[in-house]
Amino acid sequence: MIAPIIFAWLALSINFGCYSNNANLTHQRNEEFPLIDFNGETHIYKDNFRELVFPRHNEKLTQYCKAHQHWEHIQAVWSKDKIDGHWRWNYFVTKDRKSFKK
């Protein structure tokens, strides 16, 4: 029962570049990842997700949004969700002022 699980895990690890038998080989993959903001709008960013440091409370991170095709500031705030009322990290996304000059 455990052997198929381990085999599947190894196969997925090798396919996604997580495993390498060469110690000098480094992977820096830029992957797309979605982010749903406080208003429920989906933003798509592309970056090295393993090394990306998301902002903490009231800090900003600037990323290029593929969905809206401009630079955006992402701000994480620990607050109540407006739908469920549970406390969680909410992400507020604003357009960068330099993106207005098109």
PDB file of N, CA and C in Angstrom:
ATOM      1  N   MET A   1       0.820  -1.204   0.000  1.00  0.00           N
ATOM      2  CA  MET A   1       0.000   0.000   0.000  1.00  0.00           C
ATOM      3  C   MET A   1       0.864   1.268   0.000  1.00  0.00           C
ATOM      4  N   ILE A   2       1.954   1.236   0.729  1.00  0.00           N
ATOM      5  CA  ILE A   2       2.815   2.425   0.820  1.00  0.00           C
ATOM      6  C   ILE A   2       3.683   2.577  -0.432  1.00  0.00           C
ATOM      7  N   ALA A   3       4.056   1.467  -1.052  1.00  0.00           N
ATOM      8  CA  ALA A   3       4.926   1.523  -2.229  1.00  0.00           C
ATOM      9  C   ALA A   3       4.328   2.343  -3.372  1.00  0.00           C
ATOM     10  N   PRO A   4       3.029   2.184  -3.718  1.00  0.00           N
ATOM     11  CA  PRO A   4       2.484   3.029  -4.791  1.00  0.00           C
ATOM     12  C   PRO A   4       2.477   4.513  -4.446  1.00  0.00           C
ATOM     13  N   ILE A   5       2.283   4.831  -3.176  1.00  0.00           N
ATOM     14  CA  ILE A   5       2.285   6.238  -2.763  1.00  0.00           C
ATOM     15  C   ILE A   5       3.672   6.833  -2.911  1.00  0.00           C
ATOM     16  N   ILE A   6       4.682   6.082  -2.486  1.00  0.00           N
ATOM     17  CA  ILE A   6       6.063   6.564  -2.596  1.00  0.00           C
ATOM     18  C   ILE A   6       6.453   6.687  -4.073  1.00  0.00           C
ATOM     19  N   PHE A   7       6.058   5.720  -4.887  1.00  0.00           N
ATOM     20  CA  PHE A   7       6.360   5.773  -6.321  1.00  0.00           C
ATOM     21  C   PHE A   7       5.710   6.992  -6.977  1.00  0.00           C
ATOM     22  N   ALA A   8       4.452   7.259  -6.637  1.00  0.00           N
ATOM     23  CA  ALA A   8       3.756   8.426  -7.202  1.00  0.00           C
ATOM     24  C   ALA A   8       4.421   9.719  -6.759  1.00  0.00           C
ATOM     25  N   TRP A   9       4.826   9.795  -5.494  1.00  0.00           N
ATOM     26  CA  TRP A   9       5.490  10.995  -4.983  1.00  0.00           C
ATOM     27  C   TRP A   9       6.815  11.236  -5.700  1.00  0.00           C
ATOM     28  N   LEU A  10       7.596  10.175  -5.901  1.00  0.00           N
ATOM     29  CA  LEU A  10       8.867  10.320  -6.605  1.00  0.00           C
ATOM     30  C   LEU A  10       8.655  10.728  -8.058  1.00  0.00           C
ATOM     31  N   ALA A  11       7.653  10.130  -8.700  1.00  0.00           N
ATOM     32  CA  ALA A  11       7.386  10.489 -10.095  1.00  0.00           C
ATOM     33  C   ALA A  11       6.990  11.954 -10.223  1.00  0.00           C
ATOM     34  N   LEU A  12       6.159  12.450  -9.313  1.00  0.00           N
ATOM     35  CA  LEU A  12       5.769  13.854  -9.347  1.00  0.00           C
ATOM     36  C   LEU A  12       6.944  14.764  -9.024  1.00  0.00           C
ATOM     37  N   SER A  13       7.774  14.363  -8.092  1.00  0.00           N
ATOM     38  CA  SER A  13       8.937  15.180  -7.721  1.00  0.00           C
ATOM     39  C   SER A  13       9.904  15.321  -8.882  1.00  0.00           C
ATOM     40  N   ILE A  14      10.128  14.245  -9.599  1.00  0.00           N
ATOM     41  CA  ILE A  14      11.050  14.288 -10.731  1.00  0.00           C
ATOM     42  C   ILE A  14      10.454  15.115 -11.870  1.00  0.00           C
ATOM     43  N   ASN A  15       9.146  14.981 -12.126  1.00  0.00           N
ATOM     44  CA  ASN A  15       8.503  15.721 -13.211  1.00  0.00           C
ATOM     45  C   ASN A  15       8.507  17.219 -12.969  1.00  0.00           C
ATOM     46  N   PHE A  16       8.367  17.676 -11.725  1.00  0.00           N
ATOM     47  CA  PHE A  16       8.289  19.101 -11.436  1.00  0.00           C
ATOM     48  C   PHE A  16       9.636  19.703 -11.052  1.00  0.00           C
ATOM     49  N   GLY A  17      10.722  18.957 -11.221  1.00  0.00           N
ATOM     50  CA  GLY A  17      12.042  19.504 -10.978  1.00  0.00           C
ATOM     51  C   GLY A  17      12.398  19.632  -9.522  1.00  0.00           C
ATOM     52  N   CYS A  18      11.724  18.914  -8.641  1.00  0.00           N
ATOM     53  CA  CYS A  18      12.019  18.996  -7.206  1.00  0.00           C
ATOM     54  C   CYS A  18      13.169  18.087  -6.819  1.00  0.00           C
ATOM     55  N   TYR A  19      13.465  17.114  -7.642  1.00  0.00           N
ATOM     56  CA  TYR A  19      14.491  16.140  -7.314  1.00  0.00           C
ATOM     57  C   TYR A  19      15.549  16.164  -8.402  1.00  0.00           C
ATOM     58  N   SER A  20      16.776  16.138  -7.971  1.00  0.00           N
ATOM     59  CA  SER A  20      17.872  16.072  -8.930  1.00  0.00           C
ATOM     60  C   SER A  20      19.022  15.322  -8.283  1.00  0.00           C
ATOM     61  N   ASN A  21      19.674  14.464  -9.041  1.00  0.00           N
ATOM     62  CA  ASN A  21      20.823  13.753  -8.492  1.00  0.00           C
ATOM     63  C   ASN A  21      22.107  14.549  -8.694  1.00  0.00           C
ATOM     64  N   ASN A  22      22.052  15.689  -9.353  1.00  0.00           N
ATOM     65  CA  ASN A  22      23.201  16.552  -9.548  1.00  0.00           C
ATOM     66  C   ASN A  22      23.178  17.638  -8.482  1.00  0.00           C
ATOM     67  N   ALA A  23      24.151  17.642  -7.584  1.00  0.00           N
ATOM     68  CA  ALA A  23      24.170  18.577  -6.460  1.00  0.00           C
ATOM     69  C   ALA A  23      24.436  20.012  -6.905  1.00  0.00           C
ATOM     70  N   ASN A  24      25.077  20.208  -8.062  1.00  0.00           N
ATOM     71  CA  ASN A  24      25.393  21.558  -8.525  1.00  0.00           C
ATOM     72  C   ASN A  24      24.262  22.193  -9.317  1.00  0.00           C
ATOM     73  N   LEU A  25      23.232  21.457  -9.640  1.00  0.00           N
ATOM     74  CA  LEU A  25      22.135  21.956 -10.445  1.00  0.00           C
ATOM     75  C   LEU A  25      21.141  22.702  -9.568  1.00  0.00           C
ATOM     76  N   THR A  26      20.842  23.925  -9.931  1.00  0.00           N
ATOM     77  CA  THR A  26      19.858  24.702  -9.169  1.00  0.00           C
ATOM     78  C   THR A  26      18.693  25.039 -10.076  1.00  0.00           C
ATOM     79  N   HIS A  27      17.508  25.012  -9.508  1.00  0.00           N
ATOM     80  CA  HIS A  27      16.297  25.312 -10.273  1.00  0.00           C
ATOM     81  C   HIS A  27      15.740  26.646  -9.822  1.00  0.00           C
ATOM     82  N   GLN A  28      15.523  27.520 -10.751  1.00  0.00           N
ATOM     83  CA  GLN A  28      14.860  28.782 -10.482  1.00  0.00           C
ATOM     84  C   GLN A  28      13.746  28.907 -11.500  1.00  0.00           C
ATOM     85  N   ARG A  29      12.604  28.351 -11.150  1.00  0.00           N
ATOM     86  CA  ARG A  29      11.470  28.354 -12.061  1.00  0.00           C
ATOM     87  C   ARG A  29      10.552  29.506 -11.713  1.00  0.00           C
ATOM     88  N   ASN A  30      10.172  30.247 -12.714  1.00  0.00           N
ATOM     89  CA  ASN A  30       9.152  31.264 -12.532  1.00  0.00           C
ATOM     90  C   ASN A  30       7.813  30.616 -12.826  1.00  0.00           C
ATOM     91  N   GLU A  31       6.988  30.539 -11.798  1.00  0.00           N
ATOM     92  CA  GLU A  31       5.704  29.872 -11.910  1.00  0.00           C
ATOM     93  C   GLU A  31       4.585  30.883 -11.745  1.00  0.00           C
ATOM     94  N   GLU A  32       3.487  30.642 -12.435  1.00  0.00           N
ATOM     95  CA  GLU A  32       2.310  31.480 -12.275  1.00  0.00           C
ATOM     96  C   GLU A  32       1.551  31.036 -11.033  1.00  0.00           C
ATOM     97  N   PHE A  33       1.046  32.012 -10.306  1.00  0.00           N
ATOM     98  CA  PHE A  33       0.219  31.686  -9.149  1.00  0.00           C
ATOM     99  C   PHE A  33      -0.896  32.717  -9.033  1.00  0.00           C
ATOM    100  N   PRO A  34      -2.100  32.247  -8.691  1.00  0.00           N
ATOM    101  CA  PRO A  34      -3.225  33.177  -8.548  1.00  0.00           C
ATOM    102  C   PRO A  34      -3.288  33.738  -7.133  1.00  0.00           C
ATOM    103  N   LEU A  35      -3.860  34.914  -7.014  1.00  0.00           N
ATOM    104  CA  LEU A  35      -4.121  35.522  -5.713  1.00  0.00           C
ATOM    105  C   LEU A  35      -5.510  36.145  -5.781  1.00  0.00           C
ATOM    106  N   ILE A  36      -6.342  35.808  -4.822  1.00  0.00           N
ATOM    107  CA  ILE A  36      -7.688  36.376  -4.758  1.00  0.00           C
ATOM    108  C   ILE A  36      -7.677  37.451  -3.690  1.00  0.00           C
ATOM    109  N   ASP A  37      -8.014  38.681  -4.085  1.00  0.00           N
ATOM    110  CA  ASP A  37      -7.946  39.801  -3.152  1.00  0.00           C
ATOM    111  C   ASP A  37      -9.210  39.880  -2.286  1.00  0.00           C
ATOM    112  N   PHE A  38      -9.265  40.901  -1.464  1.00  0.00           N
ATOM    113  CA  PHE A  38     -10.348  41.099  -0.501  1.00  0.00           C
ATOM    114  C   PHE A  38     -11.705  41.229  -1.180  1.00  0.00           C
ATOM    115  N   ASN A  39     -11.731  41.747  -2.400  1.00  0.00           N
ATOM    116  CA  ASN A  39     -12.986  41.923  -3.139  1.00  0.00           C
ATOM    117  C   ASN A  39     -13.378  40.702  -3.962  1.00  0.00           C
ATOM    118  N   GLY A  40     -12.580  39.639  -3.925  1.00  0.00           N
ATOM    119  CA  GLY A  40     -12.884  38.424  -4.667  1.00  0.00           C
ATOM    120  C   GLY A  40     -12.365  38.426  -6.089  1.00  0.00           C
ATOM    121  N   GLU A  41     -11.560  39.410  -6.460  1.00  0.00           N
ATOM    122  CA  GLU A  41     -11.008  39.505  -7.805  1.00  0.00           C
ATOM    123  C   GLU A  41      -9.724  38.676  -7.897  1.00  0.00           C
ATOM    124  N   THR A  42      -9.564  37.934  -8.986  1.00  0.00           N
ATOM    125  CA  THR A  42      -8.399  37.071  -9.162  1.00  0.00           C
ATOM    126  C   THR A  42      -7.301  37.807  -9.909  1.00  0.00           C
ATOM    127  N   HIS A  43      -6.098  37.735  -9.377  1.00  0.00           N
ATOM    128  CA  HIS A  43      -4.904  38.320  -9.985  1.00  0.00           C
ATOM    129  C   HIS A  43      -3.936  37.175 -10.252  1.00  0.00           C
ATOM    130  N   ILE A  44      -3.200  37.251 -11.361  1.00  0.00           N
ATOM    131  CA  ILE A  44      -2.249  36.200 -11.718  1.00  0.00           C
ATOM    132  C   ILE A  44      -0.858  36.819 -11.798  1.00  0.00           C
ATOM    133  N   TYR A  45       0.049  36.286 -10.996  1.00  0.00           N
ATOM    134  CA  TYR A  45       1.420  36.772 -10.950  1.00  0.00           C
ATOM    135  C   TYR A  45       2.361  35.645 -11.353  1.00  0.00           C
ATOM    136  N   LYS A  46       3.551  36.002 -11.810  1.00  0.00           N
ATOM    137  CA  LYS A  46       4.551  35.019 -12.203  1.00  0.00           C
ATOM    138  C   LYS A  46       5.858  35.392 -11.525  1.00  0.00           C
ATOM    139  N   ASP A  47       6.372  34.465 -10.715  1.00  0.00           N
ATOM    140  CA  ASP A  47       7.610  34.710  -9.994  1.00  0.00           C
ATOM    141  C   ASP A  47       8.158  33.378  -9.502  1.00  0.00           C
ATOM    142  N   ASN A  48       9.362  33.401  -8.960  1.00  0.00           N
ATOM    143  CA  ASN A  48       9.932  32.215  -8.340  1.00  0.00           C
ATOM    144  C   ASN A  48       9.227  32.025  -6.995  1.00  0.00           C
ATOM    145  N   PHE A  49       8.197  31.201  -6.991  1.00  0.00           N
ATOM    146  CA  PHE A  49       7.303  31.073  -5.836  1.00  0.00           C
ATOM    147  C   PHE A  49       8.020  30.510  -4.610  1.00  0.00           C
ATOM    148  N   ARG A  50       9.054  29.697  -4.817  1.00  0.00           N
ATOM    149  CA  ARG A  50       9.768  29.112  -3.669  1.00  0.00           C
ATOM    150  C   ARG A  50      10.565  30.153  -2.898  1.00  0.00           C
ATOM    151  N   GLU A  51      11.027  31.186  -3.563  1.00  0.00           N
ATOM    152  CA  GLU A  51      11.832  32.206  -2.908  1.00  0.00           C
ATOM    153  C   GLU A  51      11.066  33.496  -2.642  1.00  0.00           C
ATOM    154  N   LEU A  52       9.805  33.552  -3.071  1.00  0.00           N
ATOM    155  CA  LEU A  52       9.000  34.758  -2.904  1.00  0.00           C
ATOM    156  C   LEU A  52       8.620  34.929  -1.442  1.00  0.00           C
ATOM    157  N   VAL A  53       8.809  36.127  -0.928  1.00  0.00           N
ATOM    158  CA  VAL A  53       8.443  36.435   0.451  1.00  0.00           C
ATOM    159  C   VAL A  53       7.212  37.330   0.414  1.00  0.00           C
ATOM    160  N   PHE A  54       6.083  36.777   0.857  1.00  0.00           N
ATOM    161  CA  PHE A  54       4.857  37.551   0.870  1.00  0.00           C
ATOM    162  C   PHE A  54       4.913  38.578   1.988  1.00  0.00           C
ATOM    163  N   PRO A  55       4.264  39.707   1.802  1.00  0.00           N
ATOM    164  CA  PRO A  55       4.333  40.765   2.816  1.00  0.00           C
ATOM    165  C   PRO A  55       3.628  40.363   4.102  1.00  0.00           C
ATOM    166  N   ARG A  56       4.132  40.899   5.200  1.00  0.00           N
ATOM    167  CA  ARG A  56       3.477  40.712   6.489  1.00  0.00           C
ATOM    168  C   ARG A  56       2.482  41.839   6.688  1.00  0.00           C
ATOM    169  N   HIS A  57       1.967  41.968   7.878  1.00  0.00           N
ATOM    170  CA  HIS A  57       0.908  42.926   8.164  1.00  0.00           C
ATOM    171  C   HIS A  57       1.295  44.348   7.750  1.00  0.00           C
ATOM    172  N   ASN A  58       0.500  44.936   6.860  1.00  0.00           N
ATOM    173  CA  ASN A  58       0.625  46.305   6.355  1.00  0.00           C
ATOM    174  C   ASN A  58       1.901  46.577   5.570  1.00  0.00           C
ATOM    175  N   GLU A  59       2.600  45.564   5.112  1.00  0.00           N
ATOM    176  CA  GLU A  59       3.722  45.754   4.205  1.00  0.00           C
ATOM    177  C   GLU A  59       3.238  45.539   2.780  1.00  0.00           C
ATOM    178  N   LYS A  60       3.955  46.102   1.803  1.00  0.00           N
ATOM    179  CA  LYS A  60       3.544  45.992   0.411  1.00  0.00           C
ATOM    180  C   LYS A  60       4.581  45.232  -0.407  1.00  0.00           C
ATOM    181  N   LEU A  61       4.083  44.518  -1.399  1.00  0.00           N
ATOM    182  CA  LEU A  61       4.909  43.821  -2.370  1.00  0.00           C
ATOM    183  C   LEU A  61       4.405  44.225  -3.748  1.00  0.00           C
ATOM    184  N   THR A  62       5.290  44.587  -4.657  1.00  0.00           N
ATOM    185  CA  THR A  62       4.888  45.001  -5.992  1.00  0.00           C
ATOM    186  C   THR A  62       5.179  43.873  -6.976  1.00  0.00           C
ATOM    187  N   GLN A  63       4.148  43.482  -7.739  1.00  0.00           N
ATOM    188  CA  GLN A  63       4.255  42.418  -8.720  1.00  0.00           C
ATOM    189  C   GLN A  63       3.528  42.837  -9.997  1.00  0.00           C
ATOM    190  N   TYR A  64       3.917  42.216 -11.109  1.00  0.00           N
ATOM    191  CA  TYR A  64       3.231  42.464 -12.379  1.00  0.00           C
ATOM    192  C   TYR A  64       2.088  41.466 -12.520  1.00  0.00           C
ATOM    193  N   CYS A  65       0.878  41.962 -12.733  1.00  0.00           N
ATOM    194  CA  CYS A  65      -0.309  41.121 -12.865  1.00  0.00           C
ATOM    195  C   CYS A  65      -0.530  40.786 -14.339  1.00  0.00           C
ATOM    196  N   LYS A  66      -0.539  39.490 -14.650  1.00  0.00           N
ATOM    197  CA  LYS A  66      -0.772  39.061 -16.032  1.00  0.00           C
ATOM    198  C   LYS A  66      -2.225  39.233 -16.434  1.00  0.00           C
ATOM    199  N   ALA A  67      -3.145  39.156 -15.481  1.00  0.00           N
ATOM    200  CA  ALA A  67      -4.565  39.279 -15.795  1.00  0.00           C
ATOM    201  C   ALA A  67      -4.927  40.712 -16.185  1.00  0.00           C
ATOM    202  N   HIS A  68      -4.368  41.697 -15.477  1.00  0.00           N
ATOM    203  CA  HIS A  68      -4.703  43.099 -15.727  1.00  0.00           C
ATOM    204  C   HIS A  68      -3.621  43.831 -16.527  1.00  0.00           C
ATOM    205  N   GLN A  69      -2.476  43.192 -16.719  1.00  0.00           N
ATOM    206  CA  GLN A  69      -1.357  43.707 -17.500  1.00  0.00           C
ATOM    207  C   GLN A  69      -0.846  45.059 -17.009  1.00  0.00           C
ATOM    208  N   HIS A  70      -0.648  45.145 -15.697  1.00  0.00           N
ATOM    209  CA  HIS A  70       0.014  46.313 -15.112  1.00  0.00           C
ATOM    210  C   HIS A  70       0.575  45.938 -13.748  1.00  0.00           C
ATOM    211  N   TRP A  71       1.387  46.848 -13.197  1.00  0.00           N
ATOM    212  CA  TRP A  71       2.020  46.615 -11.902  1.00  0.00           C
ATOM    213  C   TRP A  71       1.017  46.894 -10.791  1.00  0.00           C
ATOM    214  N   GLU A  72       1.063  46.039  -9.747  1.00  0.00           N
ATOM    215  CA  GLU A  72       0.131  46.173  -8.626  1.00  0.00           C
ATOM    216  C   GLU A  72       0.872  46.023  -7.302  1.00  0.00           C
ATOM    217  N   HIS A  73       0.359  46.704  -6.294  1.00  0.00           N
ATOM    218  CA  HIS A  73       0.870  46.576  -4.931  1.00  0.00           C
ATOM    219  C   HIS A  73      -0.029  45.605  -4.186  1.00  0.00           C
ATOM    220  N   ILE A  74       0.575  44.603  -3.541  1.00  0.00           N
ATOM    221  CA  ILE A  74      -0.159  43.635  -2.734  1.00  0.00           C
ATOM    222  C   ILE A  74       0.120  43.967  -1.276  1.00  0.00           C
ATOM    223  N   GLN A  75      -0.942  44.142  -0.508  1.00  0.00           N
ATOM    224  CA  GLN A  75      -0.795  44.446   0.909  1.00  0.00           C
ATOM    225  C   GLN A  75      -1.574  43.415   1.705  1.00  0.00           C
ATOM    226  N   ALA A  76      -0.900  42.733   2.615  1.00  0.00           N
ATOM    227  CA  ALA A  76      -1.538  41.725   3.455  1.00  0.00           C
ATOM    228  C   ALA A  76      -1.955  42.369   4.780  1.00  0.00           C
ATOM    229  N   VAL A  77      -3.203  42.114   5.177  1.00  0.00           N
ATOM    230  CA  VAL A  77      -3.728  42.665   6.430  1.00  0.00           C
ATOM    231  C   VAL A  77      -4.462  41.547   7.166  1.00  0.00           C
ATOM    232  N   TRP A  78      -4.143  41.368   8.441  1.00  0.00           N
ATOM    233  CA  TRP A  78      -4.830  40.387   9.278  1.00  0.00           C
ATOM    234  C   TRP A  78      -6.136  41.028   9.734  1.00  0.00           C
ATOM    235  N   SER A  79      -7.258  40.537   9.181  1.00  0.00           N
ATOM    236  CA  SER A  79      -8.551  41.134   9.498  1.00  0.00           C
ATOM    237  C   SER A  79      -9.652  40.105   9.293  1.00  0.00           C
ATOM    238  N   LYS A  80     -10.878  40.521   9.638  1.00  0.00           N
ATOM    239  CA  LYS A  80     -12.027  39.634   9.452  1.00  0.00           C
ATOM    240  C   LYS A  80     -12.391  39.579   7.976  1.00  0.00           C
ATOM    241  N   ASP A  81     -12.732  38.380   7.537  1.00  0.00           N
ATOM    242  CA  ASP A  81     -13.212  38.190   6.174  1.00  0.00           C
ATOM    243  C   ASP A  81     -14.596  38.787   6.062  1.00  0.00           C
ATOM    244  N   LYS A  82     -14.882  39.466   4.943  1.00  0.00           N
ATOM    245  CA  LYS A  82     -16.181  40.126   4.858  1.00  0.00           C
ATOM    246  C   LYS A  82     -17.320  39.160   4.515  1.00  0.00           C
ATOM    247  N   ILE A  83     -17.010  37.950   4.073  1.00  0.00           N
ATOM    248  CA  ILE A  83     -18.060  36.977   3.774  1.00  0.00           C
ATOM    249  C   ILE A  83     -18.341  36.092   4.990  1.00  0.00           C
ATOM    250  N   ASP A  84     -17.316  35.414   5.504  1.00  0.00           N
ATOM    251  CA  ASP A  84     -17.495  34.467   6.596  1.00  0.00           C
ATOM    252  C   ASP A  84     -17.369  35.107   7.969  1.00  0.00           C
ATOM    253  N   GLY A  85     -16.668  36.208   8.067  1.00  0.00           N
ATOM    254  CA  GLY A  85     -16.433  36.848   9.357  1.00  0.00           C
ATOM    255  C   GLY A  85     -15.328  36.200  10.168  1.00  0.00           C
ATOM    256  N   HIS A  86     -14.547  35.293   9.536  1.00  0.00           N
ATOM    257  CA  HIS A  86     -13.422  34.656  10.216  1.00  0.00           C
ATOM    258  C   HIS A  86     -12.173  35.514  10.066  1.00  0.00           C
ATOM    259  N   TRP A  87     -11.297  35.440  11.075  1.00  0.00           N
ATOM    260  CA  TRP A  87     -10.024  36.153  10.995  1.00  0.00           C
ATOM    261  C   TRP A  87      -9.078  35.389  10.089  1.00  0.00           C
ATOM    262  N   ARG A  88      -8.455  36.109   9.150  1.00  0.00           N
ATOM    263  CA  ARG A  88      -7.496  35.509   8.220  1.00  0.00           C
ATOM    264  C   ARG A  88      -6.694  36.619   7.561  1.00  0.00           C
ATOM    265  N   TRP A  89      -5.698  36.219   6.753  1.00  0.00           N
ATOM    266  CA  TRP A  89      -4.942  37.184   5.963  1.00  0.00           C
ATOM    267  C   TRP A  89      -5.789  37.598   4.773  1.00  0.00           C
ATOM    268  N   ASN A  90      -6.084  38.867   4.673  1.00  0.00           N
ATOM    269  CA  ASN A  90      -6.781  39.429   3.522  1.00  0.00           C
ATOM    270  C   ASN A  90      -5.775  40.231   2.704  1.00  0.00           C
ATOM    271  N   TYR A  91      -5.878  40.125   1.388  1.00  0.00           N
ATOM    272  CA  TYR A  91      -4.941  40.790   0.489  1.00  0.00           C
ATOM    273  C   TYR A  91      -5.649  41.925  -0.245  1.00  0.00           C
ATOM    274  N   PHE A  92      -5.107  43.122  -0.079  1.00  0.00           N
ATOM    275  CA  PHE A  92      -5.624  44.306  -0.762  1.00  0.00           C
ATOM    276  C   PHE A  92      -4.671  44.616  -1.904  1.00  0.00           C
ATOM    277  N   VAL A  93      -5.217  44.712  -3.113  1.00  0.00           N
ATOM    278  CA  VAL A  93      -4.403  44.940  -4.307  1.00  0.00           C
ATOM    279  C   VAL A  93      -4.776  46.290  -4.894  1.00  0.00           C
ATOM    280  N   THR A  94      -3.762  47.140  -5.092  1.00  0.00           N
ATOM    281  CA  THR A  94      -3.974  48.449  -5.706  1.00  0.00           C
ATOM    282  C   THR A  94      -3.039  48.590  -6.908  1.00  0.00           C
ATOM    283  N   LYS A  95      -3.485  49.333  -7.888  1.00  0.00           N
ATOM    284  CA  LYS A  95      -2.698  49.572  -9.088  1.00  0.00           C
ATOM    285  C   LYS A  95      -1.577  50.560  -8.786  1.00  0.00           C
ATOM    286  N   ASP A  96      -0.390  50.271  -9.292  1.00  0.00           N
ATOM    287  CA  ASP A  96       0.752  51.163  -9.101  1.00  0.00           C
ATOM    288  C   ASP A  96       0.528  52.464  -9.861  1.00  0.00           C
ATOM    289  N   ARG A  97       0.954  53.582  -9.302  1.00  0.00           N
ATOM    290  CA  ARG A  97       0.702  54.891  -9.929  1.00  0.00           C
ATOM    291  C   ARG A  97       1.405  55.041 -11.269  1.00  0.00           C
ATOM    292  N   LYS A  98       2.506  54.323 -11.488  1.00  0.00           N
ATOM    293  CA  LYS A  98       3.200  54.403 -12.770  1.00  0.00           C
ATOM    294  C   LYS A  98       2.443  53.676 -13.875  1.00  0.00           C
ATOM    295  N   SER A  99       1.514  52.792 -13.507  1.00  0.00           N
ATOM    296  CA  SER A  99       0.733  52.070 -14.509  1.00  0.00           C
ATOM    297  C   SER A  99      -0.368  52.917 -15.121  1.00  0.00           C
ATOM    298  N   PHE A 100      -0.661  54.071 -14.513  1.00  0.00           N
ATOM    299  CA  PHE A 100      -1.704  54.951 -15.043  1.00  0.00           C
ATOM    300  C   PHE A 100      -1.206  55.758 -16.249  1.00  0.00           C
ATOM    301  N   LYS A 101       0.099  55.809 -16.480  1.00  0.00           N
ATOM    302  CA  LYS A 101       0.684  56.662 -17.527  1.00  0.00           C
ATOM    303  C   LYS A 101       0.762  55.959 -18.870  1.00  0.00           C
ATOM    304  N   LYS A 102      -0.244  55.216 -19.265  1.00  0.00           N
ATOM    305  CA  LYS A 102      -0.223  54.520 -20.553  1.00  0.00           C
ATOM    306  C   LYS A 102      -0.814  55.356 -21.648  1.00  0.00           C
TER     307      LYS A 102
END
